[in-house]
Amino acid sequence: MVGVVVILQLPIDLWVRLAACAIWVVTSVIEHRRIRRGWAECRGLRFDAEGEIASLGVDGKWRPAQCESGSVLLGKVGWIRLRDQRGAVFGELLTGDARESPDWRRLQVIWRHVGA
């Protein structure tokens, strides 16, 4: 909704703003569906020291995945966009604290080392 409000405030013709709002809404709905599908199919993520990624499916099997552009990992939060072996793209919101979680600290080291 914030995106629509910002677009409507732009100093351009009304019809261009309305078209941009429609495009924004459609792409947001598509992205939301991808995220929901990923959450429904992914029970865990595994990152190894070489930067390989695997996702744990609902069937309990680990499947290879690739990191997509748009992924970011900060001090306590990360947004990881992944593509699974079937080609489905989804995002995962990750949170952690390097002081409390050795797994989070290890993920940050791998992320910096591999250059994701």
Protein backbone atom coordinates (compact mmCIF):
# COMPACT_ATOMS: atom_id res chain seq x y z
CA MET A 1 0.00 0.00 0.00
CA VAL A 2 2.87 2.38 0.73
CA GLY A 3 4.12 1.95 -2.82
CA VAL A 4 0.71 2.96 -4.21
CA VAL A 5 0.61 6.05 -1.98
CA VAL A 6 4.10 7.06 -3.13
CA ILE A 7 3.25 6.52 -6.79
CA LEU A 8 0.08 8.60 -6.47
CA GLN A 9 2.15 11.51 -5.11
CA LEU A 10 4.47 11.64 -8.15
CA PRO A 11 4.26 14.78 -10.29
CA ILE A 12 3.24 13.00 -13.51
CA ASP A 13 0.00 12.63 -15.45
CA LEU A 14 -2.85 10.89 -13.66
CA TRP A 15 -3.16 8.10 -16.21
CA VAL A 16 0.54 7.29 -15.88
CA ARG A 17 0.21 7.18 -12.08
CA LEU A 18 -2.81 4.86 -12.31
CA ALA A 19 -1.01 2.55 -14.74
CA ALA A 20 2.05 2.49 -12.46
CA CYS A 21 -0.18 1.68 -9.47
CA ALA A 22 -1.76 -1.20 -11.37
CA ILE A 23 1.66 -2.58 -12.34
CA TRP A 24 2.85 -2.17 -8.74
CA VAL A 25 -0.14 -4.08 -7.36
CA VAL A 26 0.19 -6.93 -9.89
CA THR A 27 3.92 -7.39 -9.24
CA SER A 28 3.34 -7.23 -5.48
CA VAL A 29 0.69 -9.96 -5.68
CA ILE A 30 3.00 -12.15 -7.78
CA GLU A 31 5.86 -11.66 -5.28
CA HIS A 32 3.54 -12.42 -2.36
CA ARG A 33 2.47 -15.69 -4.01
CA ARG A 34 6.13 -16.67 -4.49
CA ILE A 35 6.90 -15.98 -0.85
CA ARG A 36 3.88 -17.99 0.36
CA ARG A 37 4.81 -20.91 -1.89
CA GLY A 38 8.37 -20.87 -0.56
CA TRP A 39 7.23 -20.78 3.05
CA ALA A 40 4.86 -23.67 2.42
CA GLU A 41 7.56 -25.81 0.79
CA CYS A 42 10.68 -24.92 2.81
CA ARG A 43 11.23 -26.28 6.32
CA GLY A 44 14.91 -25.34 6.63
CA LEU A 45 17.96 -23.93 4.88
CA ARG A 46 21.51 -25.24 4.90
CA PHE A 47 24.53 -23.18 3.82
CA ASP A 48 27.92 -24.87 3.55
CA ALA A 49 31.35 -23.25 3.69
CA GLU A 50 31.71 -23.24 -0.12
CA GLY A 51 28.48 -21.29 -0.51
CA GLU A 52 26.28 -24.19 -1.61
CA ILE A 53 22.67 -23.88 -0.46
CA ALA A 54 20.09 -26.59 0.17
CA SER A 55 16.47 -26.29 1.23
CA LEU A 56 14.62 -28.87 3.31
CA GLY A 57 11.27 -29.74 1.76
CA VAL A 58 8.12 -30.85 3.52
CA ASP A 59 9.00 -34.43 2.54
CA GLY A 60 12.20 -34.25 4.63
CA LYS A 61 14.58 -34.24 1.64
CA TRP A 62 17.34 -31.67 1.09
CA ARG A 63 17.30 -30.13 -2.39
CA PRO A 64 19.89 -27.84 -3.98
CA ALA A 65 19.00 -24.16 -4.27
CA GLN A 66 20.65 -21.05 -5.71
CA CYS A 67 20.83 -17.59 -4.23
CA GLU A 68 19.14 -14.96 -6.41
CA SER A 69 19.88 -11.26 -6.73
CA GLY A 70 18.06 -9.14 -4.19
CA SER A 71 19.36 -11.17 -1.25
CA VAL A 72 20.86 -9.25 1.65
CA LEU A 73 22.26 -10.23 5.03
CA LEU A 74 22.68 -7.60 7.74
CA GLY A 75 23.70 -7.82 11.38
CA LYS A 76 20.45 -9.25 12.78
CA VAL A 77 18.19 -9.75 9.79
CA GLY A 78 18.47 -11.11 6.28
CA TRP A 79 16.29 -11.52 3.21
CA ILE A 80 17.37 -14.45 1.08
CA ARG A 81 15.85 -14.99 -2.35
CA LEU A 82 16.30 -18.54 -3.57
CA ARG A 83 15.60 -20.55 -6.71
CA ASP A 84 14.99 -24.24 -6.15
CA GLN A 85 15.83 -27.05 -8.57
CA ARG A 86 12.36 -26.83 -10.16
CA GLY A 87 12.94 -23.15 -10.98
CA ALA A 88 10.56 -21.73 -8.37
CA VAL A 89 11.80 -18.48 -6.84
CA PHE A 90 10.94 -17.67 -3.25
CA GLY A 91 12.17 -15.54 -0.39
CA GLU A 92 12.98 -16.31 3.22
CA LEU A 93 13.23 -13.78 6.03
CA LEU A 94 16.03 -14.77 8.41
CA THR A 95 16.78 -13.31 11.83
CA GLY A 96 19.50 -13.97 14.34
CA ASP A 97 22.08 -12.53 16.68
CA ALA A 98 25.77 -13.32 16.22
CA ARG A 99 26.37 -13.04 19.96
CA GLU A 100 23.74 -15.64 20.81
CA SER A 101 23.74 -17.98 17.82
CA PRO A 102 26.85 -19.67 16.40
CA ASP A 103 24.79 -20.69 13.35
CA TRP A 104 23.93 -17.05 12.59
CA ARG A 105 27.58 -16.04 13.03
CA ARG A 106 28.67 -18.88 10.73
CA LEU A 107 26.12 -17.78 8.10
CA GLN A 108 27.49 -14.24 8.19
CA VAL A 109 31.06 -15.49 7.77
CA ILE A 110 30.06 -17.71 4.82
CA TRP A 111 28.06 -14.83 3.29
CA ARG A 112 31.05 -12.46 3.45
CA HIS A 113 33.57 -15.08 2.34
CA VAL A 114 31.66 -16.35 -0.67
CA GLY A 115 30.64 -12.84 -1.68
CA ALA A 116 26.93 -13.52 -2.05
